[in-house]
Amino acid sequence: MHTYRLTTGAPLRAMAIAAVATLSGAIIIVLAGIFDWPTAVGVVGGGLAALGIVVGALAWIFRILLTVVVEIDDDGFRMLRGSREQQGGRWTDISRLGSSDQGGLLRLVRRTGEPDTVIISPAGRRSRELDRLAADIVTRLQQH
């Protein structure tokens, strides 16, 4: 069995915002304690630090939730998003593989009247992992 993970890039902007907010909040808390500033200033620093932590955590959670995992074996495929299976099928039910012009989408066209299976890269563009997945799918389809 081969497993392909399609994910977004690291959430660098969100992590940078989270780091700046957390560090700024921590500095404000320390300075408020050293210079005996009003308690409200320390509370604002604490809120800013907490906000930074929440933004950082949410960035990683959303990255995990957007990840698409495609498992392929000799009999068929299974696509999972997050922790639940979205779609799957057998190679004998698939007639061909199509893709979008922009490259972030693969379409497994079914022989039967059932809806096609569409695999969308969370990154929104073609990636090396998506290219490897497409090549593996083409190889499997040629074998069946």
C-alpha atoms as a PDB file:
ATOM      1  CA  MET A   1       0.000   0.000   0.000  1.00  0.00           C
ATOM      2  CA  HIS A   2       1.186   3.494  -0.851  1.00  0.00           C
ATOM      3  CA  THR A   3       0.094   6.536   1.131  1.00  0.00           C
ATOM      4  CA  TYR A   4       0.149  10.062  -0.276  1.00  0.00           C
ATOM      5  CA  ARG A   5      -0.282  13.149   1.905  1.00  0.00           C
ATOM      6  CA  LEU A   6      -1.521  16.298   0.222  1.00  0.00           C
ATOM      7  CA  THR A   7      -1.241  19.287   2.498  1.00  0.00           C
ATOM      8  CA  THR A   8      -0.917  23.039   2.480  1.00  0.00           C
ATOM      9  CA  GLY A   9       2.411  24.668   3.083  1.00  0.00           C
ATOM     10  CA  ALA A  10       3.412  25.610   6.599  1.00  0.00           C
ATOM     11  CA  PRO A  11       1.232  28.486   7.861  1.00  0.00           C
ATOM     12  CA  LEU A  12       4.192  30.857   8.102  1.00  0.00           C
ATOM     13  CA  ARG A  13       2.231  34.116   8.186  1.00  0.00           C
ATOM     14  CA  ALA A  14      -0.082  32.896  10.950  1.00  0.00           C
ATOM     15  CA  MET A  15       2.832  31.498  12.929  1.00  0.00           C
ATOM     16  CA  ALA A  16       4.744  34.780  12.592  1.00  0.00           C
ATOM     17  CA  ILE A  17       1.723  36.738  13.826  1.00  0.00           C
ATOM     18  CA  ALA A  18       1.309  34.286  16.698  1.00  0.00           C
ATOM     19  CA  ALA A  19       4.984  34.560  17.666  1.00  0.00           C
ATOM     20  CA  VAL A  20       4.963  38.371  17.593  1.00  0.00           C
ATOM     21  CA  ALA A  21       1.739  38.572  19.607  1.00  0.00           C
ATOM     22  CA  THR A  22       2.911  36.040  22.209  1.00  0.00           C
ATOM     23  CA  LEU A  23       6.331  37.629  22.593  1.00  0.00           C
ATOM     24  CA  SER A  24       4.878  41.153  22.741  1.00  0.00           C
ATOM     25  CA  GLY A  25       2.383  40.065  25.381  1.00  0.00           C
ATOM     26  CA  ALA A  26       5.109  38.437  27.457  1.00  0.00           C
ATOM     27  CA  ILE A  27       7.291  41.549  27.236  1.00  0.00           C
ATOM     28  CA  ILE A  28       4.382  43.758  28.299  1.00  0.00           C
ATOM     29  CA  ILE A  29       3.694  41.504  31.303  1.00  0.00           C
ATOM     30  CA  VAL A  30       7.355  41.619  32.388  1.00  0.00           C
ATOM     31  CA  LEU A  31       7.647  45.380  31.904  1.00  0.00           C
ATOM     32  CA  ALA A  32       4.384  45.960  33.768  1.00  0.00           C
ATOM     33  CA  GLY A  33       5.794  44.024  36.712  1.00  0.00           C
ATOM     34  CA  ILE A  34       9.216  45.703  36.667  1.00  0.00           C
ATOM     35  CA  PHE A  35       7.984  49.278  36.329  1.00  0.00           C
ATOM     36  CA  ASP A  36       4.909  48.830  38.527  1.00  0.00           C
ATOM     37  CA  TRP A  37       2.500  49.787  35.751  1.00  0.00           C
ATOM     38  CA  PRO A  38      -1.253  49.513  36.354  1.00  0.00           C
ATOM     39  CA  THR A  39      -2.688  45.997  36.504  1.00  0.00           C
ATOM     40  CA  ALA A  40      -4.712  46.677  33.351  1.00  0.00           C
ATOM     41  CA  VAL A  41      -1.474  46.879  31.327  1.00  0.00           C
ATOM     42  CA  GLY A  42      -0.435  43.442  32.573  1.00  0.00           C
ATOM     43  CA  VAL A  43      -3.896  42.079  31.730  1.00  0.00           C
ATOM     44  CA  VAL A  44      -3.617  43.472  28.194  1.00  0.00           C
ATOM     45  CA  GLY A  45      -0.209  41.793  27.861  1.00  0.00           C
ATOM     46  CA  GLY A  46      -1.677  38.524  29.079  1.00  0.00           C
ATOM     47  CA  GLY A  47      -4.538  38.814  26.601  1.00  0.00           C
ATOM     48  CA  LEU A  48      -2.129  39.514  23.771  1.00  0.00           C
ATOM     49  CA  ALA A  49       0.019  36.512  24.719  1.00  0.00           C
ATOM     50  CA  ALA A  50      -3.061  34.274  24.940  1.00  0.00           C
ATOM     51  CA  LEU A  51      -4.286  35.519  21.565  1.00  0.00           C
ATOM     52  CA  GLY A  52      -0.928  34.645  20.028  1.00  0.00           C
ATOM     53  CA  ILE A  53      -1.070  31.122  21.437  1.00  0.00           C
ATOM     54  CA  VAL A  54      -4.621  30.626  20.138  1.00  0.00           C
ATOM     55  CA  VAL A  55      -3.721  31.897  16.641  1.00  0.00           C
ATOM     56  CA  GLY A  56      -0.725  29.541  16.495  1.00  0.00           C
ATOM     57  CA  ALA A  57      -2.763  26.555  17.656  1.00  0.00           C
ATOM     58  CA  LEU A  58      -5.588  27.261  15.195  1.00  0.00           C
ATOM     59  CA  ALA A  59      -3.119  27.582  12.320  1.00  0.00           C
ATOM     60  CA  TRP A  60      -1.787  24.073  12.982  1.00  0.00           C
ATOM     61  CA  ILE A  61      -5.244  22.601  13.592  1.00  0.00           C
ATOM     62  CA  PHE A  62      -6.553  23.951  10.276  1.00  0.00           C
ATOM     63  CA  ARG A  63      -3.462  22.644   8.487  1.00  0.00           C
ATOM     64  CA  ILE A  64      -4.157  19.176   9.865  1.00  0.00           C
ATOM     65  CA  LEU A  65      -7.863  19.354   8.992  1.00  0.00           C
ATOM     66  CA  LEU A  66      -7.101  20.395   5.412  1.00  0.00           C
ATOM     67  CA  THR A  67      -4.713  17.487   4.829  1.00  0.00           C
ATOM     68  CA  VAL A  68      -5.942  14.933   2.299  1.00  0.00           C
ATOM     69  CA  VAL A  69      -4.551  11.396   2.580  1.00  0.00           C
ATOM     70  CA  VAL A  70      -4.899   9.035  -0.374  1.00  0.00           C
ATOM     71  CA  GLU A  71      -4.142   5.347   0.194  1.00  0.00           C
ATOM     72  CA  ILE A  72      -3.557   3.180  -2.869  1.00  0.00           C
ATOM     73  CA  ASP A  73      -3.145  -0.575  -3.137  1.00  0.00           C
ATOM     74  CA  ASP A  74      -3.492  -3.194  -5.891  1.00  0.00           C
ATOM     75  CA  ASP A  75      -7.289  -3.344  -5.572  1.00  0.00           C
ATOM     76  CA  GLY A  76      -8.254   0.304  -5.286  1.00  0.00           C
ATOM     77  CA  PHE A  77      -7.937   3.576  -3.436  1.00  0.00           C
ATOM     78  CA  ARG A  78      -9.272   5.341  -0.395  1.00  0.00           C
ATOM     79  CA  MET A  79      -9.298   9.094   0.221  1.00  0.00           C
ATOM     80  CA  LEU A  80      -9.428  10.550   3.726  1.00  0.00           C
ATOM     81  CA  ARG A  81      -9.783  14.153   4.816  1.00  0.00           C
ATOM     82  CA  GLY A  82      -9.088  14.796   8.473  1.00  0.00           C
ATOM     83  CA  SER A  83      -9.919  11.524  10.202  1.00  0.00           C
ATOM     84  CA  ARG A  84     -12.839  10.334   8.095  1.00  0.00           C
ATOM     85  CA  GLU A  85     -13.029   8.516   4.773  1.00  0.00           C
ATOM     86  CA  GLN A  86     -14.483  10.616   2.002  1.00  0.00           C
ATOM     87  CA  GLN A  87     -14.428   8.335  -0.997  1.00  0.00           C
ATOM     88  CA  GLY A  88     -12.915   5.171  -2.287  1.00  0.00           C
ATOM     89  CA  GLY A  89     -13.185   2.734  -5.109  1.00  0.00           C
ATOM     90  CA  ARG A  90     -11.757  -0.163  -7.046  1.00  0.00           C
ATOM     91  CA  TRP A  91      -9.478   0.251 -10.053  1.00  0.00           C
ATOM     92  CA  THR A  92     -11.833  -1.844 -12.168  1.00  0.00           C
ATOM     93  CA  ASP A  93     -14.498   0.876 -11.708  1.00  0.00           C
ATOM     94  CA  ILE A  94     -12.235   3.691 -12.968  1.00  0.00           C
ATOM     95  CA  SER A  95     -11.804   4.322 -16.699  1.00  0.00           C
ATOM     96  CA  ARG A  96      -9.244   7.143 -16.742  1.00  0.00           C
ATOM     97  CA  LEU A  97      -7.544   9.949 -14.842  1.00  0.00           C
ATOM     98  CA  GLY A  98      -8.156  13.593 -15.700  1.00  0.00           C
ATOM     99  CA  SER A  99      -6.586  16.752 -14.294  1.00  0.00           C
ATOM    100  CA  SER A 100      -7.191  20.498 -14.289  1.00  0.00           C
ATOM    101  CA  ASP A 101      -5.256  23.037 -16.343  1.00  0.00           C
ATOM    102  CA  GLN A 102      -3.994  24.708 -13.170  1.00  0.00           C
ATOM    103  CA  GLY A 103      -2.847  21.332 -11.878  1.00  0.00           C
ATOM    104  CA  GLY A 104      -4.271  21.213  -8.350  1.00  0.00           C
ATOM    105  CA  LEU A 105      -7.017  18.730  -9.136  1.00  0.00           C
ATOM    106  CA  LEU A 106      -7.181  15.070 -10.188  1.00  0.00           C
ATOM    107  CA  ARG A 107     -10.405  13.445 -11.426  1.00  0.00           C
ATOM    108  CA  LEU A 108     -10.871   9.677 -11.361  1.00  0.00           C
ATOM    109  CA  VAL A 109     -13.527   9.088 -14.028  1.00  0.00           C
ATOM    110  CA  ARG A 110     -15.792   6.147 -13.217  1.00  0.00           C
ATOM    111  CA  ARG A 111     -17.015   3.603 -15.779  1.00  0.00           C
ATOM    112  CA  THR A 112     -20.404   3.394 -14.075  1.00  0.00           C
ATOM    113  CA  GLY A 113     -22.866   6.259 -13.752  1.00  0.00           C
ATOM    114  CA  GLU A 114     -21.645   7.080 -10.252  1.00  0.00           C
ATOM    115  CA  PRO A 115     -20.097  10.492  -9.642  1.00  0.00           C
ATOM    116  CA  ASP A 116     -16.388  10.808 -10.387  1.00  0.00           C
ATOM    117  CA  THR A 117     -13.917  10.995  -7.517  1.00  0.00           C
ATOM    118  CA  VAL A 118     -12.153  14.327  -7.342  1.00  0.00           C
ATOM    119  CA  ILE A 119      -8.903  14.787  -5.437  1.00  0.00           C
ATOM    120  CA  ILE A 120      -8.136  18.443  -4.749  1.00  0.00           C
ATOM    121  CA  SER A 121      -4.757  19.514  -3.455  1.00  0.00           C
ATOM    122  CA  PRO A 122      -5.220  21.716  -0.360  1.00  0.00           C
ATOM    123  CA  ALA A 123      -2.287  23.809  -1.609  1.00  0.00           C
ATOM    124  CA  GLY A 124      -4.425  24.772  -4.617  1.00  0.00           C
ATOM    125  CA  ARG A 125      -1.680  23.981  -7.098  1.00  0.00           C
ATOM    126  CA  ARG A 126       0.291  21.050  -8.439  1.00  0.00           C
ATOM    127  CA  SER A 127       2.943  19.636  -6.129  1.00  0.00           C
ATOM    128  CA  ARG A 128       5.527  16.853  -6.332  1.00  0.00           C
ATOM    129  CA  GLU A 129       3.352  14.669  -4.103  1.00  0.00           C
ATOM    130  CA  LEU A 130       0.338  15.206  -6.381  1.00  0.00           C
ATOM    131  CA  ASP A 131       2.491  14.344  -9.418  1.00  0.00           C
ATOM    132  CA  ARG A 132       3.684  11.122  -7.727  1.00  0.00           C
ATOM    133  CA  LEU A 133       0.073  10.252  -6.871  1.00  0.00           C
ATOM    134  CA  ALA A 134      -1.036  10.859 -10.465  1.00  0.00           C
ATOM    135  CA  ALA A 135       1.793   8.694 -11.826  1.00  0.00           C
ATOM    136  CA  ASP A 136       0.906   5.880  -9.402  1.00  0.00           C
ATOM    137  CA  ILE A 137      -2.785   6.081 -10.373  1.00  0.00           C
ATOM    138  CA  VAL A 138      -1.929   5.908 -14.091  1.00  0.00           C
ATOM    139  CA  THR A 139       0.252   2.848 -13.446  1.00  0.00           C
ATOM    140  CA  ARG A 140      -2.545   1.133 -11.500  1.00  0.00           C
ATOM    141  CA  LEU A 141      -5.103   1.918 -14.197  1.00  0.00           C
ATOM    142  CA  GLN A 142      -2.831   0.460 -16.890  1.00  0.00           C
ATOM    143  CA  GLN A 143      -2.587  -2.768 -14.851  1.00  0.00           C
ATOM    144  CA  HIS A 144      -6.388  -3.156 -14.738  1.00  0.00           C
END
